[in-house]
Protein backbone atom coordinates (compact mmCIF):
# COMPACT_ATOMS: atom_id res chain seq x y z
CA MET A 1 2.83 -15.17 -12.75
CA GLN A 2 0.94 -16.40 -15.80
CA ASP A 3 -2.17 -14.54 -16.92
CA PHE A 4 -5.03 -15.15 -14.52
CA ILE A 5 -7.50 -17.77 -15.82
CA SER A 6 -9.51 -18.76 -12.76
CA ILE A 7 -9.23 -19.06 -9.01
CA ALA A 8 -8.90 -22.85 -9.23
CA ARG A 9 -6.05 -22.59 -11.76
CA TYR A 10 -4.28 -19.93 -9.70
CA GLN A 11 -4.52 -21.93 -6.48
CA THR A 12 -3.13 -24.99 -8.29
CA GLN A 13 -0.17 -22.85 -9.34
CA LEU A 14 0.32 -21.83 -5.71
CA GLN A 15 0.23 -25.46 -4.55
CA ASN A 16 2.68 -26.54 -7.25
CA GLY A 17 5.13 -23.80 -6.35
CA GLU A 18 4.76 -22.09 -9.73
CA THR A 19 4.05 -18.77 -8.03
CA THR A 20 3.51 -17.25 -4.59
CA CYS A 21 0.96 -14.88 -3.12
CA LYS A 22 3.70 -12.26 -2.77
CA ALA A 23 4.76 -12.53 -6.42
CA THR A 24 1.13 -12.40 -7.48
CA VAL A 25 0.41 -9.25 -5.49
CA GLU A 26 3.56 -7.62 -6.90
CA ASP A 27 2.39 -8.44 -10.41
CA TYR A 28 -1.05 -6.95 -9.81
CA LEU A 29 0.43 -3.81 -8.26
CA LYS A 30 2.48 -3.30 -11.42
CA LYS A 31 -0.64 -3.71 -13.57
CA ILE A 32 -2.57 -1.25 -11.42
CA ASP A 33 0.24 1.28 -11.68
CA ALA A 34 0.39 0.87 -15.46
CA SER A 35 -3.39 1.37 -15.72
CA LYS A 36 -3.74 4.49 -13.56
CA HIS A 37 -5.23 6.39 -16.47
CA LEU A 38 -8.34 4.18 -16.31
CA ASN A 39 -9.03 5.72 -12.87
CA ALA A 40 -10.49 2.47 -11.56
CA PHE A 41 -8.77 2.62 -8.16
CA ILE A 42 -9.27 5.34 -5.58
CA GLU A 43 -6.76 3.84 -3.17
CA VAL A 44 -4.36 0.90 -3.47
CA TYR A 45 -3.33 -0.96 -0.31
CA ALA A 46 0.11 -1.90 -1.63
CA ALA A 47 2.08 -2.37 1.59
CA GLU A 48 -0.79 -4.06 3.39
CA ALA A 49 -1.52 -6.43 0.50
CA LEU A 50 2.14 -7.45 0.29
CA GLN A 51 2.31 -8.00 4.04
CA ARG A 52 -0.77 -10.22 3.96
CA ALA A 53 0.59 -12.12 0.94
CA VAL A 54 3.85 -12.89 2.77
CA ALA A 55 1.86 -14.09 5.80
CA LEU A 56 -0.25 -16.37 3.59
CA ASP A 57 2.86 -17.79 1.89
CA GLN A 58 4.27 -18.76 5.29
CA LEU A 59 1.24 -20.83 6.25
CA PRO A 60 1.76 -24.62 6.14
CA ALA A 61 -1.56 -25.05 4.28
CA PRO A 62 -4.04 -22.81 2.41
CA GLN A 63 -6.06 -20.65 4.80
CA GLY A 64 -9.42 -21.02 3.07
CA LYS A 65 -11.45 -21.17 -0.11
CA LEU A 66 -10.09 -17.83 -1.35
CA HIS A 67 -6.48 -18.31 -0.27
CA GLY A 68 -4.40 -15.64 -2.01
CA VAL A 69 -7.24 -14.37 -4.20
CA ILE A 70 -6.86 -10.68 -5.12
CA VAL A 71 -10.08 -8.71 -4.49
CA ALA A 72 -11.09 -5.07 -4.99
CA LEU A 73 -13.92 -3.37 -3.07
CA LYS A 74 -16.32 -0.73 -4.32
CA ASP A 75 -16.00 2.49 -2.33
CA VAL A 76 -19.35 1.91 -0.62
CA ILE A 77 -18.31 -1.24 1.25
CA CYS A 78 -16.79 -0.79 4.70
CA HIS A 79 -13.28 -2.05 5.41
CA LYS A 80 -12.10 -1.32 8.94
CA ASP A 81 -9.35 1.30 9.29
CA HIS A 82 -9.53 2.10 5.57
CA GLY A 83 -10.92 5.12 3.77
CA LEU A 84 -14.58 5.09 2.76
CA THR A 85 -16.20 7.95 0.87
CA ALA A 86 -18.87 6.59 -1.52
CA ALA A 87 -16.96 8.68 -4.11
CA SER A 88 -18.38 11.81 -2.49
CA ARG A 89 -16.88 14.98 -1.04
CA ILE A 90 -19.39 14.79 1.80
CA LEU A 91 -17.37 11.89 3.28
CA GLU A 92 -13.88 13.16 2.49
CA GLY A 93 -11.36 12.02 5.07
CA PHE A 94 -13.67 9.42 6.61
CA THR A 95 -12.17 6.14 7.83
CA SER A 96 -14.38 3.13 8.43
CA VAL A 97 -14.54 1.90 12.02
CA PHE A 98 -15.74 -1.61 11.11
CA SER A 99 -15.78 -4.03 8.19
CA ALA A 100 -18.78 -5.19 6.21
CA THR A 101 -19.81 -8.77 6.90
CA ALA A 102 -18.99 -9.66 3.29
CA VAL A 103 -15.46 -8.30 3.74
CA GLU A 104 -14.97 -10.18 7.00
CA ARG A 105 -15.96 -13.39 5.25
CA LEU A 106 -13.59 -12.76 2.34
CA LEU A 107 -10.69 -12.19 4.72
CA ALA A 108 -11.59 -15.25 6.81
CA GLU A 109 -11.21 -17.39 3.68
CA GLY A 110 -7.77 -16.01 2.84
CA ALA A 111 -8.55 -13.25 0.33
CA ILE A 112 -6.23 -10.29 -0.18
CA ILE A 113 -7.96 -6.90 -0.44
CA ILE A 114 -5.80 -4.87 -2.84
CA GLY A 115 -7.73 -1.60 -2.79
CA ARG A 116 -10.97 0.33 -3.06
CA VAL A 117 -12.34 1.25 -6.45
CA ASN A 118 -14.19 4.16 -8.00
CA CYS A 119 -17.94 4.43 -8.46
CA ASP A 120 -20.75 6.88 -9.06
CA GLU A 121 -21.32 9.03 -5.97
CA PHE A 122 -23.38 7.10 -3.42
CA ALA A 123 -23.94 4.49 -6.16
CA MET A 124 -26.20 6.92 -8.04
CA GLY A 125 -25.51 6.71 -11.75
CA SER A 126 -25.11 4.47 -14.77
CA THR A 127 -21.83 5.76 -16.19
CA ASN A 128 -19.30 6.30 -13.38
CA GLU A 129 -19.13 9.95 -14.42
CA ASN A 130 -20.72 11.08 -11.12
CA SER A 131 -17.67 10.61 -8.91
CA ALA A 132 -15.75 13.13 -6.84
CA TYR A 133 -12.61 11.34 -8.10
CA GLY A 134 -13.43 11.73 -11.78
CA LYS A 135 -14.71 9.34 -14.42
CA VAL A 136 -13.59 5.75 -14.98
CA LEU A 137 -12.59 4.69 -18.51
CA ASN A 138 -13.71 1.48 -20.23
CA ALA A 139 -10.60 -0.61 -20.95
CA ALA A 140 -12.15 -1.95 -24.16
CA ASP A 141 -12.50 1.58 -25.56
CA GLU A 142 -11.22 4.41 -23.41
CA SER A 143 -13.50 6.93 -25.10
CA ARG A 144 -16.51 5.10 -23.65
CA ILE A 145 -18.05 4.81 -20.19
CA PRO A 146 -17.68 1.54 -18.23
CA GLY A 147 -21.22 1.67 -16.86
CA GLY A 148 -22.21 2.36 -13.31
CA SER A 149 -22.49 2.76 -10.58
CA SER A 150 -19.88 0.02 -9.98
CA GLY A 151 -17.72 1.10 -12.91
CA GLY A 152 -14.43 0.85 -11.05
CA SER A 153 -15.25 -2.66 -9.83
CA ALA A 154 -16.04 -3.76 -13.38
CA VAL A 155 -12.96 -2.20 -14.99
CA ALA A 156 -10.68 -3.62 -12.27
CA VAL A 157 -11.74 -7.14 -13.31
CA GLN A 158 -11.98 -6.33 -17.03
CA ALA A 159 -8.43 -4.91 -17.17
CA GLY A 160 -6.94 -7.67 -15.02
CA LEU A 161 -6.22 -5.43 -12.02
CA CYS A 162 -7.75 -7.94 -9.59
CA MET A 163 -9.20 -11.44 -9.83
CA VAL A 164 -12.70 -10.65 -8.61
CA SER A 165 -14.39 -7.59 -7.15
CA LEU A 166 -17.41 -6.63 -5.12
CA GLY A 167 -19.88 -3.95 -6.14
CA SER A 168 -23.40 -3.02 -5.17
CA ASP A 169 -26.54 -3.40 -7.26
CA THR A 170 -29.54 -1.16 -6.52
CA GLY A 171 -31.01 -1.05 -10.02
CA GLY A 172 -28.42 -2.75 -12.21
CA SER A 173 -25.17 -1.30 -10.87
CA VAL A 174 -23.39 -4.66 -11.11
CA ARG A 175 -25.05 -6.15 -14.19
CA GLN A 176 -24.95 -3.08 -16.44
CA PRO A 177 -21.21 -2.30 -16.03
CA ALA A 178 -20.48 -6.03 -16.36
CA ASP A 179 -22.39 -5.94 -19.65
CA PHE A 180 -20.48 -2.87 -20.87
CA CYS A 181 -17.11 -4.34 -19.87
CA GLY A 182 -17.58 -7.90 -21.14
CA ILE A 183 -17.44 -9.73 -17.81
CA ILE A 184 -19.85 -11.59 -15.52
CA GLY A 185 -21.99 -9.62 -13.07
CA LEU A 186 -24.22 -11.29 -10.48
CA LYS A 187 -26.88 -9.65 -8.32
CA PRO A 188 -27.96 -12.17 -5.67
CA THR A 189 -31.44 -12.40 -4.19
CA TYR A 190 -32.25 -9.56 -1.80
CA GLY A 191 -31.18 -10.92 1.58
CA ARG A 192 -28.83 -13.60 0.27
CA VAL A 193 -25.80 -11.45 1.19
CA SER A 194 -25.70 -9.30 4.31
CA ARG A 195 -25.95 -5.54 3.70
CA TYR A 196 -24.16 -4.80 6.99
CA GLY A 197 -21.32 -2.44 6.09
CA LEU A 198 -22.78 -1.41 2.73
CA ILE A 199 -23.47 2.34 2.56
CA ALA A 200 -27.19 2.63 1.94
CA TYR A 201 -28.63 4.18 -1.21
CA ALA A 202 -32.11 2.60 -1.22
CA SER A 203 -32.29 0.05 1.57
CA SER A 204 -35.05 -2.18 0.16
CA PHE A 205 -33.20 -2.45 -3.18
CA ASP A 206 -29.47 -2.55 -2.35
CA GLN A 207 -27.54 -5.79 -2.63
CA ILE A 208 -23.82 -6.56 -2.73
CA GLY A 209 -22.91 -8.20 -6.05
CA ILE A 210 -19.97 -9.94 -7.68
CA PHE A 211 -17.80 -9.29 -10.75
CA ALA A 212 -15.72 -12.14 -12.17
CA LYS A 213 -14.47 -13.67 -15.40
CA THR A 214 -15.76 -17.20 -14.85
CA ILE A 215 -18.92 -18.72 -13.39
CA PRO A 216 -17.00 -21.01 -10.97
CA ASP A 217 -15.24 -17.96 -9.53
CA THR A 218 -18.56 -16.15 -9.20
CA ALA A 219 -20.09 -19.18 -7.48
CA LEU A 220 -17.19 -19.52 -5.05
CA VAL A 221 -17.29 -15.89 -3.96
CA LEU A 222 -21.08 -16.04 -3.54
CA GLU A 223 -20.68 -19.16 -1.42
CA VAL A 224 -18.23 -17.34 0.83
CA ILE A 225 -20.07 -14.04 1.35
CA SER A 226 -23.65 -15.36 1.62
CA GLY A 227 -25.57 -16.40 4.69
CA ALA A 228 -27.23 -15.32 7.92
CA ASP A 229 -25.88 -12.36 9.85
CA ASP A 230 -26.97 -11.06 13.25
CA TYR A 231 -26.12 -7.52 12.15
CA ASP A 232 -28.65 -7.45 9.29
CA SER A 233 -32.31 -8.09 10.10
CA THR A 234 -33.20 -8.34 6.39
CA VAL A 235 -30.75 -11.13 5.58
CA SER A 236 -32.12 -14.60 4.89
CA GLN A 237 -31.70 -17.46 7.35
CA GLN A 238 -31.79 -20.03 4.55
CA PRO A 239 -28.73 -22.29 4.39
CA VAL A 240 -26.14 -21.49 1.73
CA PRO A 241 -25.61 -24.20 -0.91
CA ALA A 242 -22.08 -25.21 -1.90
CA TYR A 243 -22.54 -23.32 -5.17
CA SER A 244 -19.02 -23.95 -6.47
CA GLN A 245 -19.34 -27.74 -6.06
CA LEU A 246 -22.84 -28.11 -7.53
CA LEU A 247 -22.48 -26.36 -10.88
CA GLU A 248 -22.51 -29.49 -13.03
CA GLN A 249 -26.27 -29.91 -13.33
CA ASP A 250 -26.72 -30.61 -17.00
CA ARG A 251 -30.49 -30.68 -17.44
CA SER A 252 -33.16 -29.00 -19.49
CA TYR A 253 -34.52 -25.67 -18.30
CA LYS A 254 -37.66 -23.68 -19.05
CA ILE A 255 -36.88 -20.15 -20.20
CA ALA A 256 -39.39 -17.33 -20.64
CA TYR A 257 -38.80 -14.11 -22.53
CA PHE A 258 -40.84 -10.98 -23.11
CA PRO A 259 -41.37 -10.13 -26.80
CA GLU A 260 -42.14 -6.56 -25.68
CA ALA A 261 -38.60 -6.31 -24.28
CA LEU A 262 -36.91 -7.59 -27.43
CA GLU A 263 -38.97 -5.29 -29.64
CA HIS A 264 -38.78 -2.21 -27.41
CA GLU A 265 -37.99 1.03 -29.20
CA SER A 266 -35.06 1.73 -26.87
CA LEU A 267 -33.27 -1.53 -27.74
CA ASP A 268 -30.42 -1.60 -30.25
CA PRO A 269 -31.61 -3.94 -33.06
CA GLU A 270 -28.29 -5.82 -33.10
CA ILE A 271 -28.65 -6.62 -29.40
CA GLY A 272 -32.23 -7.78 -29.90
CA ASN A 273 -31.28 -9.99 -32.85
CA ALA A 274 -28.34 -11.55 -31.01
CA ILE A 275 -30.52 -12.48 -28.04
CA LYS A 276 -33.22 -13.93 -30.31
CA GLU A 277 -30.57 -16.13 -31.94
CA LYS A 278 -29.28 -17.22 -28.54
CA LEU A 279 -32.82 -18.20 -27.52
CA LYS A 280 -33.04 -20.33 -30.68
CA ASP A 281 -29.71 -21.95 -29.78
CA TRP A 282 -30.96 -22.80 -26.29
CA GLU A 283 -34.16 -24.25 -27.72
CA ALA A 284 -32.15 -26.36 -30.18
CA ALA A 285 -30.06 -27.61 -27.24
CA GLY A 286 -33.18 -29.03 -25.60
CA HIS A 287 -34.36 -26.21 -23.38
CA THR A 288 -37.94 -24.95 -23.50
CA VAL A 289 -38.13 -21.34 -24.68
CA THR A 290 -41.49 -19.57 -24.46
CA PRO A 291 -42.64 -16.00 -25.16
CA ILE A 292 -44.69 -14.47 -22.33
CA ARG A 293 -46.76 -11.34 -22.70
CA PHE A 294 -45.69 -8.69 -20.21
CA ASP A 295 -47.49 -5.33 -20.30
CA LEU A 296 -45.71 -3.67 -17.36
CA LEU A 297 -42.30 -3.00 -18.89
CA ASP A 298 -42.79 0.75 -19.26
CA TYR A 299 -43.83 1.06 -15.60
CA VAL A 300 -40.65 -0.33 -14.08
CA VAL A 301 -38.35 2.67 -14.49
CA PRO A 302 -40.81 5.29 -13.12
CA THR A 303 -41.67 3.01 -10.22
CA TYR A 304 -38.01 2.38 -9.49
CA TYR A 305 -37.03 6.05 -9.45
CA VAL A 306 -39.97 7.13 -7.30
CA LEU A 307 -39.16 4.54 -4.65
CA THR A 308 -35.35 4.69 -4.72
CA THR A 309 -35.18 8.47 -4.59
CA ALA A 310 -37.61 8.44 -1.66
CA GLU A 311 -35.41 5.99 0.23
CA ALA A 312 -32.26 7.88 -0.77
CA SER A 313 -33.57 11.20 0.53
CA SER A 314 -34.10 9.53 3.90
CA ASN A 315 -30.80 7.60 3.98
CA LEU A 316 -28.67 10.57 2.96
CA SER A 317 -30.15 12.90 5.56
CA ARG A 318 -27.55 11.55 8.01
CA TYR A 319 -24.72 13.30 6.13
CA ASP A 320 -24.69 16.79 7.61
CA GLY A 321 -21.05 17.56 8.45
CA VAL A 322 -21.62 17.49 12.20
CA LYS A 323 -19.73 14.38 13.33
CA TYR A 324 -17.70 13.49 10.24
CA GLY A 325 -17.16 14.31 6.60
CA HIS A 326 -17.16 17.61 4.75
CA ARG A 327 -17.74 20.81 6.69
CA SER A 328 -17.94 24.07 4.78
CA GLU A 329 -15.50 26.80 5.76
CA GLU A 330 -18.35 29.27 5.25
CA SER A 331 -20.79 27.51 7.60
CA ASN A 332 -22.29 29.72 10.27
CA LEU A 333 -22.51 27.63 13.42
CA ALA A 334 -25.01 30.09 14.87
CA GLU A 335 -27.55 29.17 12.17
CA LEU A 336 -28.11 25.41 12.04
CA ASP A 337 -30.11 25.45 8.78
CA ASP A 338 -27.39 27.46 7.06
CA PHE A 339 -24.77 25.06 8.45
CA TYR A 340 -26.55 22.05 6.94
CA LYS A 341 -27.21 23.77 3.62
CA LYS A 342 -23.61 24.82 3.15
CA ASN A 343 -22.20 21.41 4.02
CA ARG A 344 -24.59 19.51 1.78
CA SER A 345 -24.46 21.96 -1.11
CA GLU A 346 -20.67 21.68 -1.24
CA GLY A 347 -20.42 18.01 -0.31
CA PHE A 348 -23.00 16.38 -2.58
CA GLY A 349 -22.65 16.22 -6.36
CA LYS A 350 -25.27 17.22 -8.93
CA GLU A 351 -26.81 13.76 -9.45
CA VAL A 352 -27.10 13.06 -5.73
CA LYS A 353 -28.77 16.44 -5.17
CA ARG A 354 -31.21 15.71 -7.99
CA ARG A 355 -32.26 12.41 -6.44
CA ILE A 356 -32.57 13.85 -2.94
CA LEU A 357 -34.85 16.58 -4.32
CA LEU A 358 -36.93 14.05 -6.24
CA GLY A 359 -37.22 11.87 -3.14
CA ASN A 360 -38.31 14.72 -0.93
CA PHE A 361 -40.88 15.72 -3.54
CA VAL A 362 -42.53 12.30 -3.82
CA LEU A 363 -42.65 12.03 -0.02
CA SER A 364 -44.03 15.51 0.51
CA SER A 365 -47.52 16.28 1.73
CA GLY A 366 -49.99 16.26 -1.13
CA TYR A 367 -47.81 14.08 -3.38
CA TYR A 368 -47.11 11.05 -1.16
CA ASP A 369 -50.27 9.18 -2.19
CA ALA A 370 -50.05 10.27 -5.82
CA TYR A 371 -46.48 9.01 -6.30
CA PHE A 372 -44.99 6.96 -3.47
CA THR A 373 -48.12 4.98 -2.59
CA GLN A 374 -48.92 4.28 -6.24
CA ALA A 375 -45.35 3.17 -6.90
CA GLN A 376 -45.55 0.74 -3.98
CA LYS A 377 -48.70 -0.73 -5.52
CA VAL A 378 -46.97 -1.18 -8.88
CA ARG A 379 -44.04 -2.83 -7.13
CA ARG A 380 -46.39 -5.36 -5.56
CA ILE A 381 -48.06 -6.05 -8.93
CA LEU A 382 -44.66 -6.56 -10.57
CA THR A 383 -43.56 -8.91 -7.79
CA ASN A 384 -46.76 -10.97 -8.04
CA ASN A 385 -46.47 -11.20 -11.83
CA LEU A 386 -42.87 -12.36 -11.78
CA GLN A 387 -43.59 -14.87 -9.02
CA LEU A 388 -46.30 -16.43 -11.18
CA ILE A 389 -43.97 -16.62 -14.18
CA LEU A 390 -41.11 -18.08 -12.15
CA LYS A 391 -43.36 -20.79 -10.72
CA GLU A 392 -43.70 -22.13 -14.24
CA PHE A 393 -40.28 -21.20 -15.67
CA ASP A 394 -36.71 -21.48 -14.40
CA PHE A 395 -35.52 -18.20 -15.90
CA ILE A 396 -36.64 -15.00 -17.53
CA CYS A 397 -34.32 -13.84 -20.30
CA LEU A 398 -33.87 -10.12 -21.00
CA PRO A 399 -31.21 -7.85 -22.46
CA THR A 400 -28.98 -6.34 -19.79
CA SER A 401 -28.86 -2.92 -21.41
CA PRO A 402 -30.61 -1.41 -24.44
CA ALA A 403 -27.26 -0.37 -25.95
CA VAL A 404 -23.54 -1.00 -25.67
CA ALA A 405 -21.32 1.34 -23.67
CA PHE A 406 -21.77 4.83 -25.06
CA LYS A 407 -19.30 7.68 -25.39
CA ILE A 408 -18.20 9.63 -22.32
CA GLY A 409 -20.44 12.65 -21.87
CA GLU A 410 -22.96 11.47 -24.47
CA LYS A 411 -25.93 11.40 -22.08
CA SER A 412 -24.72 13.56 -19.23
CA LYS A 413 -27.07 16.43 -20.16
CA ASP A 414 -30.14 14.19 -20.48
CA PRO A 415 -30.92 12.47 -17.15
CA ILE A 416 -34.19 11.04 -18.49
CA ALA A 417 -32.37 9.20 -21.30
CA MET A 418 -29.89 7.95 -18.68
CA TYR A 419 -32.66 6.66 -16.43
CA ILE A 420 -34.46 4.89 -19.29
CA ALA A 421 -31.27 2.91 -19.92
CA ASP A 422 -32.08 1.01 -16.69
CA ILE A 423 -35.28 -0.44 -18.20
CA TYR A 424 -34.10 -4.07 -18.19
CA THR A 425 -32.17 -4.24 -14.91
CA VAL A 426 -34.34 -2.49 -12.31
CA MET A 427 -37.01 -5.21 -12.42
CA ALA A 428 -34.82 -7.63 -10.46
CA ASN A 429 -34.27 -5.04 -7.71
CA LEU A 430 -37.93 -4.04 -7.53
CA THR A 431 -38.87 -7.67 -6.98
CA GLY A 432 -35.82 -8.86 -5.03
CA ILE A 433 -34.94 -11.74 -7.36
CA PRO A 434 -31.44 -12.84 -8.43
CA ALA A 435 -30.11 -11.88 -11.86
CA ILE A 436 -26.91 -12.37 -13.81
CA SER A 437 -25.39 -10.71 -16.87
CA LEU A 438 -23.43 -13.04 -19.14
CA PRO A 439 -20.93 -11.65 -21.68
CA LEU A 440 -21.75 -13.52 -24.87
CA PHE A 441 -21.53 -11.10 -27.79
CA THR A 442 -19.59 -8.37 -29.56
CA HIS A 443 -21.52 -5.63 -31.34
CA PRO A 444 -20.74 -5.80 -35.10
CA THR A 445 -20.77 -2.02 -35.55
CA HIS A 446 -19.22 -0.68 -32.35
CA GLN A 447 -16.99 -3.70 -31.60
CA MET A 448 -18.01 -3.49 -27.96
CA PRO A 449 -19.10 -6.34 -25.69
CA PHE A 450 -22.66 -6.96 -24.63
CA GLY A 451 -24.50 -9.83 -23.05
CA VAL A 452 -27.74 -11.35 -21.96
CA GLN A 453 -29.48 -11.18 -18.59
CA LEU A 454 -31.13 -14.09 -16.81
CA MET A 455 -33.40 -13.75 -13.78
CA ALA A 456 -34.55 -16.58 -11.51
CA ALA A 457 -36.85 -17.15 -8.56
CA PRO A 458 -35.68 -15.94 -5.13
CA PHE A 459 -32.74 -17.97 -3.75
CA ASN A 460 -32.43 -19.96 -6.97
CA GLU A 461 -28.88 -18.77 -7.63
CA LEU A 462 -27.70 -22.36 -8.01
CA SER A 463 -29.81 -23.00 -11.12
CA LEU A 464 -28.84 -19.59 -12.47
CA LEU A 465 -25.14 -20.32 -12.03
CA SER A 466 -25.39 -23.90 -13.24
CA PHE A 467 -27.18 -22.95 -16.46
CA SER A 468 -24.75 -20.07 -17.02
CA ASN A 469 -21.78 -22.36 -16.49
CA ASN A 470 -23.03 -24.83 -19.09
CA ASN A 471 -24.11 -22.22 -21.62
CA SER A 472 -21.29 -19.69 -21.62
CA THR A 473 -17.55 -20.16 -21.86
CA THR A 474 -14.53 -18.04 -21.04
CA GLU A 475 -13.89 -17.91 -24.78
CA SER A 476 -16.90 -15.61 -25.11
CA LEU A 477 -15.49 -13.08 -22.67
CA PHE A 478 -14.36 -9.84 -24.21
């Protein structure tokens, strides 16, 4: 098989007899084996993937839109009869009894699931260092983190170990690792893609997202996995556009940006300068680029962590070692409290424990109104402000991350510094709007990729993808 360029190119090769699904799977399995040291994959479904590939090759015609496409799944997305642990000891040995709606739709369109990939435990982290399976390495520089929490999903695409992958984005967990790894990362509108079968971190923030190397591939996968679902009451009933067929919309767009974001003290000056130059390029190309004053930037991270930890403390209370998962050998069944404490103390990692404690604190009597209620008010203010801006503008442009991928262990002892790194991504999750990270630049000092983030109004993924398709090329990918 030739190097993977795009799904369309690959499927043309299949139709012309230049390769087969079986040969393609064999090639990817060799690449995965040669890249074990990156620790991207937790489990590889080698025999199953080959069996499905042979079955697809025997069909008289392509099965669907993703016929033969090699996909990896983040270890928080259910796949029936396959292991599922959220990279946590608390779920060791657990096998999923059903598949996520997104997975069912991938399989229905002919995709081949090649394995499940590493992530921060319960999707809590920005570095992929918080995993029971160990850290994931950035293929561009193995001394650096790949970002998180969907680090394995990002590296699997970055290193050519699959064609596309699914991750989850609660506060930037698709866009930030995509930025650090030099690939495309899309977080759809909240409710665009069913959350059925996605292990919950913070239910009003979580959304399944997509990693890919081209915009058409991103659009095609979004088209397949989106849409109404009887199993998810929060999913939208709006019809799904044919994203992949409607990308060629060459028109002028109105783009807003926040000067406060590009001048923020946390932002690497080289990243800020590169984005300012890109805004000038877009303006020269005929788009309207306008600075908008935004005074709420420093409120987004505190608001995000108050609300997400509160939701996490509730969602993770179901993991107690009673029906499944880790059960301590020291647990005293005669004392239920001791039983729970032992199981959870051994099963959960440090970062997950920290967020559960924070969540319980902000929900506790005497602090609920001071923290949780106030954070909900700020969330509403943020949502109203962005809605007003996006009525007048097509996109809001921001950095994806304040810095390029940093060294492994560099921020592991400073959780506050780690949380502040989410300053540009959590806004889209707080407000439920779609956002994409585009890999456009290489840092002149660190020689690492970084990109730009665009956010749009709810369910306006088509404009987001169309603009991205016309204003970024595969040549810019790291």
